[in-house]
Amino acid sequence: MEDFEHSHVFRFADDSVAQEFSDPLFIELIGHRRFQRLKDVRFLGAIDFIFRPNGKPLSIRHTRYDHSLGVALLALKFAKDVGWSITTTRAFVSAALLHDVGHGPLSHSLESLFDKNFGINHHLATRAILLDGVDGDPPMSGILRRYGLDAAEVFEMMSSKHGRWAEFFRGRFNLDTLDGIYRCATYIQREQSHCPPYIVLLASQARTPNYQRVLDSFWSLKDLIYSKLICGPAGVFADTNAQMHMARHVSSFSRDQFFLSEPELRRIHPRLFRAINAPRWDQISVRARRFRINTDCVTDELRYTEIDEPVTFDFLRRNDLNAWQAPARGKASHGSVIVSGDN
C-alpha cells in the first residue's frame, strides 16, 4: 500500500484485500468461512455494543476481521522489506492472519467465563480450527499443507513465548498489540497524531534513529488506551454487564457457542445484548493494567513495565460515560469483573 510506513489501514474493502493479499494462499485463508466469521465478531467485544463509547452516536466500531488483516499487513510489509523467502513469508503472514481466528463472540468480554465453565478460550479454539476442525469443518491445516506449510509450526509461531518468533507475536511491541492499540485509539481520538504501527515495528526491530522516543510514545499510548477505554469506566461497565448476564444464565450457554458469530449468539441470547446497556448503580473494583516507562533504564526489559493497579468505579455517582441517561439516585451494591486485556 502506498506510503504504508506513514499510514495504517483500519477498514478493508474486498478490492483492497485482493490487492494487498494477492498470494493465493492468503486469499484461501481469508475466504475460509472461519475467517469470514470474524466480520461478525466485534474487536472490543461488549464495549462495541454500548450506545456511545466515545461520546457520540454511531461512533467507530472495528471487527476481528479487520484487525486480523491489519496485523497480517504489518507482517507482510515487514517480511518483504527484510527479504524473507516465500516459504518464511507465507508462514509468518499466515500466523498473523490466523492469530485471532478462534476468538469467540464478544471477544474478551465473555472469554473468561467460557474458559471457566467450558474449558475453551481463543487460543484453544484457534488450535482446534487449524489442527482438528470444528463442527464438521475440516481443519485449515489442509490449506496450509497445499502450499508446503505445517499448520502445527504456524500455530507454534504465533503462540511461542520463546525463540525467533516470540518477539513478533508475544513481545512488548508485537504485531497484534501494535494494530490493536492504534485501532483502539480511533475510539477515543479523532486525530491520529502519533507514529503509525509500522514505524513502531521498525523501531522495535531495527533500532532506527530516535527508536526509543518512538517506543516511549507507543507505550504511553498503550497506557492511555487501557486507562481510558479498556480498563476505563466504559470498558468495565460493558464487560461487567455482559459477564454478569452470562454468569446468571450459564446453564443456557455451551462450549459450541464460543465458535458462533455475534449475530448467531444474539439469536440464542437476545437478552444478553440488551443487558450490556443496562444501567448500573453500584461500585465495581478491578485490577487495571497500567504501562510505565522507567526513563533511567535503556534496555526494553527494564524500561517498559506493566503493573496492575486496583481501581474502583462508582456508577452510582459517575455521569461521564455518555452511554445512557442516568437517574439521580439508585441503590448501591458491590461486584467485581475481569476486564478485557490481551488483544
Protein backbone atom coordinates (compact mmCIF):
# COMPACT_ATOMS: atom_id res chain seq x y z
CA MET A 1 0.00 0.00 0.00
CA GLU A 2 1.31 3.42 -0.95
CA ASP A 3 3.34 5.11 1.80
CA PHE A 4 2.39 2.34 4.21
CA GLU A 5 5.11 3.41 6.63
CA HIS A 6 3.20 6.62 7.34
CA SER A 7 -0.35 5.31 7.36
CA HIS A 8 -2.31 2.37 8.66
CA VAL A 9 -5.36 0.62 7.27
CA PHE A 10 -8.32 0.16 9.61
CA ARG A 11 -11.00 -0.84 7.09
CA PHE A 12 -10.52 -3.38 4.29
CA ALA A 13 -12.81 -3.41 1.28
CA ASP A 14 -12.82 -6.54 -0.87
CA ASP A 15 -10.75 -4.90 -3.60
CA SER A 16 -8.06 -3.79 -1.15
CA VAL A 17 -7.90 -7.31 0.32
CA ALA A 18 -7.39 -8.77 -3.16
CA GLN A 19 -4.73 -6.16 -3.91
CA GLU A 20 -2.71 -6.45 -0.71
CA PHE A 21 -3.05 -10.20 -0.16
CA SER A 22 -2.68 -11.41 -3.74
CA ASP A 23 -0.86 -14.63 -2.82
CA PRO A 24 -3.36 -17.46 -3.47
CA LEU A 25 -2.60 -18.95 -0.04
CA PHE A 26 -3.69 -15.77 1.72
CA ILE A 27 -6.78 -15.47 -0.47
CA GLU A 28 -7.81 -19.02 0.50
CA LEU A 29 -7.25 -18.40 4.20
CA ILE A 30 -9.16 -15.10 4.15
CA GLY A 31 -12.00 -16.65 2.17
CA HIS A 32 -12.45 -19.55 4.59
CA ARG A 33 -15.74 -19.35 6.46
CA ARG A 34 -13.97 -19.50 9.83
CA PHE A 35 -12.01 -16.37 8.91
CA GLN A 36 -15.04 -14.68 7.37
CA ARG A 37 -16.89 -15.24 10.66
CA LEU A 38 -14.60 -12.62 12.19
CA LYS A 39 -16.52 -9.94 10.26
CA ASP A 40 -19.25 -10.53 12.84
CA VAL A 41 -17.05 -10.52 15.94
CA ARG A 42 -16.50 -7.04 17.37
CA PHE A 43 -12.94 -6.05 18.20
CA LEU A 44 -13.63 -4.76 21.72
CA GLY A 45 -16.49 -7.10 22.50
CA ALA A 46 -19.22 -5.74 24.73
CA ILE A 47 -17.95 -2.16 24.63
CA ASP A 48 -18.78 -2.07 20.93
CA PHE A 49 -22.44 -2.54 21.84
CA ILE A 50 -22.87 0.32 24.27
CA PHE A 51 -24.57 3.33 22.76
CA ARG A 52 -21.82 5.97 22.80
CA PRO A 53 -18.38 4.61 23.78
CA ASN A 54 -16.67 7.84 22.73
CA GLY A 55 -19.46 10.28 23.37
CA LYS A 56 -21.32 10.38 20.07
CA PRO A 57 -23.91 8.21 18.29
CA LEU A 58 -22.79 5.84 15.55
CA SER A 59 -19.20 6.06 16.73
CA ILE A 60 -16.49 3.95 15.17
CA ARG A 61 -16.51 0.18 15.56
CA HIS A 62 -13.96 -2.43 14.50
CA THR A 63 -14.07 -6.19 13.93
CA ARG A 64 -11.66 -9.03 14.48
CA TYR A 65 -11.66 -9.46 10.69
CA ASP A 66 -10.24 -6.01 10.01
CA HIS A 67 -7.86 -6.34 12.95
CA SER A 68 -6.52 -9.67 11.65
CA LEU A 69 -5.96 -8.16 8.21
CA GLY A 70 -4.24 -5.16 9.79
CA VAL A 71 -1.87 -7.42 11.73
CA ALA A 72 -1.18 -9.50 8.61
CA LEU A 73 -0.45 -6.41 6.53
CA LEU A 74 2.19 -5.34 9.07
CA ALA A 75 3.71 -8.83 8.82
CA LEU A 76 3.62 -8.84 5.02
CA LYS A 77 5.25 -5.43 4.71
CA PHE A 78 7.99 -6.37 7.18
CA ALA A 79 8.72 -9.72 5.50
CA LYS A 80 9.04 -8.03 2.11
CA ASP A 81 11.30 -5.30 3.47
CA VAL A 82 13.56 -7.83 5.18
CA GLY A 83 13.61 -10.02 2.07
CA TRP A 84 12.49 -13.31 3.55
CA SER A 85 11.89 -16.33 1.33
CA ILE A 86 8.39 -17.03 0.05
CA THR A 87 8.08 -20.00 2.44
CA THR A 88 9.04 -17.98 5.50
CA THR A 89 6.86 -15.07 4.40
CA ARG A 90 3.87 -17.33 3.87
CA ALA A 91 4.25 -18.92 7.30
CA PHE A 92 4.77 -15.54 9.01
CA VAL A 93 1.81 -13.84 7.33
CA SER A 94 -0.42 -16.90 7.82
CA ALA A 95 0.34 -16.82 11.55
CA ALA A 96 -0.57 -13.14 11.61
CA LEU A 97 -3.77 -13.69 9.66
CA LEU A 98 -4.94 -16.60 11.81
CA HIS A 99 -3.81 -15.49 15.27
CA ASP A 100 -7.39 -14.44 16.20
CA VAL A 101 -9.40 -16.91 14.11
CA GLY A 102 -10.60 -18.61 17.30
CA HIS A 103 -11.99 -15.52 19.00
CA GLY A 104 -15.46 -16.08 20.40
CA PRO A 105 -18.41 -13.69 20.19
CA LEU A 106 -17.93 -10.53 22.25
CA SER A 107 -14.18 -11.22 22.12
CA HIS A 108 -12.55 -10.95 25.56
CA SER A 109 -15.69 -9.83 27.37
CA LEU A 110 -17.05 -13.38 27.81
CA GLU A 111 -13.89 -15.42 27.24
CA SER A 112 -13.04 -15.85 30.93
CA LEU A 113 -16.49 -17.34 31.61
CA PHE A 114 -16.34 -19.67 28.61
CA ASP A 115 -12.91 -20.78 29.82
CA LYS A 116 -14.06 -21.30 33.41
CA ASN A 117 -17.29 -23.13 32.56
CA PHE A 118 -16.49 -24.94 29.31
CA GLY A 119 -12.69 -25.07 29.08
CA ILE A 120 -12.47 -23.06 25.86
CA ASN A 121 -10.64 -19.84 25.03
CA HIS A 122 -9.48 -18.22 21.80
CA HIS A 123 -6.05 -19.87 21.91
CA LEU A 124 -7.57 -23.36 22.22
CA ALA A 125 -10.24 -22.51 19.65
CA THR A 126 -7.59 -21.30 17.19
CA ARG A 127 -5.69 -24.55 17.62
CA ALA A 128 -8.86 -26.56 17.06
CA ILE A 129 -9.75 -24.63 13.89
CA LEU A 130 -6.23 -25.05 12.49
CA LEU A 131 -5.42 -28.60 13.51
CA ASP A 132 -8.59 -30.50 14.40
CA GLY A 133 -11.57 -28.99 12.60
CA VAL A 134 -14.71 -27.65 14.26
CA ASP A 135 -18.39 -28.51 13.86
CA GLY A 136 -17.86 -30.67 10.80
CA ASP A 137 -15.43 -28.31 9.10
CA PRO A 138 -12.10 -29.86 8.12
CA PRO A 139 -9.09 -28.22 9.76
CA MET A 140 -7.49 -25.28 7.96
CA SER A 141 -4.24 -27.25 8.03
CA GLY A 142 -5.20 -28.70 4.64
CA ILE A 143 -4.95 -25.28 3.00
CA LEU A 144 -1.55 -24.63 4.55
CA ARG A 145 -0.34 -28.10 3.57
CA ARG A 146 -1.11 -27.48 -0.11
CA TYR A 147 1.37 -24.61 -0.01
CA GLY A 148 4.08 -26.58 1.76
CA LEU A 149 3.40 -25.28 5.28
CA ASP A 150 2.93 -27.22 8.51
CA ALA A 151 -0.09 -25.91 10.46
CA ALA A 152 1.43 -27.04 13.77
CA GLU A 153 4.51 -24.95 13.03
CA VAL A 154 2.37 -21.94 12.09
CA PHE A 155 0.42 -22.31 15.34
CA GLU A 156 3.66 -22.59 17.29
CA MET A 157 4.96 -19.46 15.56
CA MET A 158 2.01 -17.38 16.80
CA SER A 159 1.94 -18.98 20.27
CA SER A 160 5.53 -19.43 21.40
CA LYS A 161 6.81 -17.30 24.27
CA HIS A 162 10.42 -18.00 23.37
CA GLY A 163 12.51 -18.31 20.24
CA ARG A 164 12.78 -16.49 16.93
CA TRP A 165 9.12 -15.54 16.53
CA ALA A 166 8.16 -14.74 20.11
CA GLU A 167 9.00 -11.05 19.84
CA PHE A 168 6.73 -10.65 16.80
CA PHE A 169 3.73 -12.38 18.38
CA ARG A 170 4.16 -12.19 22.16
CA GLY A 171 6.70 -9.44 22.83
CA ARG A 172 6.10 -5.93 24.16
CA PHE A 173 5.81 -4.49 20.66
CA ASN A 174 4.23 -7.45 18.90
CA LEU A 175 2.21 -7.21 15.70
CA ASP A 176 -1.11 -7.92 17.40
CA THR A 177 -0.64 -5.20 20.01
CA LEU A 178 0.62 -2.64 17.50
CA ASP A 179 -2.50 -2.86 15.37
CA GLY A 180 -4.75 -3.31 18.39
CA ILE A 181 -3.64 -0.24 20.32
CA TYR A 182 -3.81 2.10 17.34
CA ARG A 183 -7.18 0.61 16.43
CA CYS A 184 -8.39 1.32 19.97
CA ALA A 185 -7.11 4.89 19.69
CA THR A 186 -9.69 5.58 16.98
CA TYR A 187 -12.40 5.10 19.62
CA ILE A 188 -11.21 8.00 21.75
CA GLN A 189 -9.08 10.21 19.48
CA ARG A 190 -10.43 11.83 16.36
CA GLU A 191 -6.98 12.91 15.13
CA GLN A 192 -4.16 10.42 14.71
CA SER A 193 -1.12 12.42 15.84
CA HIS A 194 1.19 9.55 16.77
CA CYS A 195 3.53 7.32 14.76
CA PRO A 196 1.73 4.61 12.77
CA PRO A 197 2.26 0.96 13.78
CA TYR A 198 4.80 0.13 11.08
CA ILE A 199 7.16 2.86 12.29
CA VAL A 200 6.94 1.41 15.80
CA LEU A 201 7.58 -2.09 14.44
CA LEU A 202 10.70 -0.88 12.64
CA ALA A 203 11.86 0.96 15.74
CA SER A 204 11.48 -2.17 17.87
CA GLN A 205 13.19 -4.47 15.36
CA ALA A 206 15.81 -2.34 13.59
CA ARG A 207 16.59 0.26 16.27
CA THR A 208 16.02 3.12 13.84
CA PRO A 209 17.14 6.69 14.72
CA ASN A 210 15.15 8.02 17.67
CA TYR A 211 13.77 4.50 18.18
CA GLN A 212 13.44 4.94 21.94
CA ARG A 213 11.33 8.05 21.55
CA VAL A 214 9.05 6.13 19.16
CA LEU A 215 8.72 3.19 21.57
CA ASP A 216 8.10 5.53 24.50
CA SER A 217 5.32 7.22 22.54
CA PHE A 218 3.66 3.88 21.81
CA TRP A 219 3.96 2.68 25.41
CA SER A 220 2.38 5.93 26.63
CA LEU A 221 -0.45 5.50 24.13
CA LYS A 222 -1.00 1.93 25.34
CA ASP A 223 -1.30 3.19 28.91
CA LEU A 224 -3.83 5.80 27.77
CA ILE A 225 -5.92 3.20 25.93
CA TYR A 226 -6.06 0.89 28.91
CA SER A 227 -6.77 3.60 31.46
CA LYS A 228 -9.41 5.46 29.42
CA LEU A 229 -11.02 2.69 27.36
CA ILE A 230 -10.30 -0.97 28.10
CA CYS A 231 -9.97 -0.59 31.88
CA GLY A 232 -11.84 2.71 31.96
CA PRO A 233 -15.43 3.23 33.07
CA ALA A 234 -16.99 2.34 29.70
CA GLY A 235 -14.98 -0.86 29.33
CA VAL A 236 -15.65 -2.00 32.89
CA PHE A 237 -19.34 -1.14 32.56
CA ALA A 238 -19.79 -3.14 29.34
CA ASP A 239 -17.73 -6.15 30.43
CA THR A 240 -19.44 -6.31 33.83
CA ASN A 241 -22.94 -6.30 32.36
CA ALA A 242 -22.08 -8.99 29.80
CA GLN A 243 -20.29 -11.21 32.32
CA MET A 244 -23.00 -10.92 34.96
CA HIS A 245 -25.70 -11.89 32.48
CA MET A 246 -23.77 -14.95 31.29
CA ALA A 247 -22.95 -15.98 34.88
CA ARG A 248 -26.63 -15.84 35.83
CA HIS A 249 -27.73 -17.85 32.80
CA VAL A 250 -24.68 -20.07 32.23
CA SER A 251 -26.82 -23.21 32.00
CA SER A 252 -28.21 -21.91 28.70
CA PHE A 253 -24.71 -21.45 27.24
CA SER A 254 -22.48 -24.18 25.79
CA ARG A 255 -18.96 -24.73 24.54
CA ASP A 256 -20.14 -24.80 20.92
CA GLN A 257 -21.46 -21.25 21.23
CA PHE A 258 -17.88 -19.97 21.52
CA PHE A 259 -17.49 -20.72 17.80
CA LEU A 260 -20.54 -18.65 16.77
CA SER A 261 -20.66 -15.18 15.30
CA GLU A 262 -22.27 -12.39 17.31
CA PRO A 263 -25.50 -12.36 15.23
CA GLU A 264 -25.78 -16.13 15.81
CA LEU A 265 -25.22 -15.73 19.55
CA ARG A 266 -27.68 -12.86 19.64
CA ARG A 267 -30.43 -15.03 18.16
CA ILE A 268 -29.90 -17.50 21.01
CA HIS A 269 -29.35 -14.92 23.77
CA PRO A 270 -31.11 -11.68 22.82
CA ARG A 271 -31.30 -10.63 26.47
CA LEU A 272 -27.50 -10.78 26.75
CA PHE A 273 -27.12 -7.97 24.24
CA ARG A 274 -29.86 -5.92 25.86
CA ALA A 275 -28.19 -6.42 29.24
CA ILE A 276 -24.96 -4.79 28.02
CA ASN A 277 -26.62 -1.38 28.17
CA ALA A 278 -28.48 -1.95 31.45
CA PRO A 279 -27.73 0.93 33.86
CA ARG A 280 -25.63 0.22 36.95
CA TRP A 281 -25.89 1.78 40.40
CA ASP A 282 -23.02 0.08 42.18
CA GLN A 283 -19.29 0.15 42.79
CA ILE A 284 -17.04 -2.17 40.80
CA SER A 285 -13.43 -2.89 41.75
CA VAL A 286 -10.97 -4.16 39.13
CA ARG A 287 -7.27 -4.80 38.71
CA ALA A 288 -6.47 -2.37 35.92
CA ARG A 289 -3.39 -2.79 33.76
CA ARG A 290 -1.04 0.18 33.52
CA PHE A 291 2.07 0.63 31.41
CA ARG A 292 5.01 2.56 32.85
CA ILE A 293 8.26 3.91 31.40
CA ASN A 294 11.38 3.86 33.55
CA THR A 295 13.35 6.64 31.87
CA ASP A 296 16.50 5.72 33.80
CA CYS A 297 16.75 2.37 32.00
CA VAL A 298 17.88 1.80 28.44
CA THR A 299 17.05 -1.88 27.90
CA ASP A 300 13.48 -2.66 26.87
CA GLU A 301 13.11 -5.33 29.54
CA LEU A 302 13.56 -2.77 32.32
CA ARG A 303 12.38 0.41 30.62
CA TYR A 304 8.88 -0.78 29.70
CA THR A 305 6.97 -2.35 32.56
CA GLU A 306 3.40 -3.50 33.14
CA ILE A 307 1.66 -3.41 36.50
CA ASP A 308 -1.82 -3.98 37.91
CA GLU A 309 -3.44 -1.26 39.96
CA PRO A 310 -6.68 -1.52 41.95
CA VAL A 311 -9.37 0.80 40.61
CA THR A 312 -12.94 1.29 41.81
CA PHE A 313 -15.68 2.81 39.67
CA ASP A 314 -18.73 4.23 41.41
CA PHE A 315 -21.50 4.02 38.83
CA LEU A 316 -23.94 5.46 41.34
CA ARG A 317 -22.17 8.80 41.04
CA ARG A 318 -20.49 8.83 37.62
CA ASN A 319 -22.17 10.76 34.81
CA ASP A 320 -19.40 10.78 32.21
CA LEU A 321 -19.86 7.50 30.29
CA ASN A 322 -22.14 9.11 27.71
CA ALA A 323 -23.78 5.71 27.32
CA TRP A 324 -27.18 6.31 28.89
CA GLN A 325 -29.34 8.81 30.73
CA ALA A 326 -28.68 8.17 34.42
CA PRO A 327 -31.35 8.83 37.02
CA ALA A 328 -30.31 10.82 40.06
CA ARG A 329 -30.42 8.05 42.61
CA GLY A 330 -30.19 4.30 42.98
CA LYS A 331 -29.26 1.52 45.31
CA ALA A 332 -25.56 0.73 45.58
CA SER A 333 -24.12 -2.77 45.62
CA HIS A 334 -20.68 -4.22 45.05
CA GLY A 335 -19.27 -6.52 42.43
CA SER A 336 -16.11 -7.46 40.54
CA VAL A 337 -15.26 -8.02 36.91
CA ILE A 338 -12.48 -9.41 34.76
CA VAL A 339 -11.64 -6.61 32.36
CA SER A 340 -10.64 -7.24 28.77
CA GLY A 341 -6.93 -7.37 28.15
CA ASP A 342 -4.76 -9.32 25.72
CA ASN A 343 -5.61 -8.21 22.21
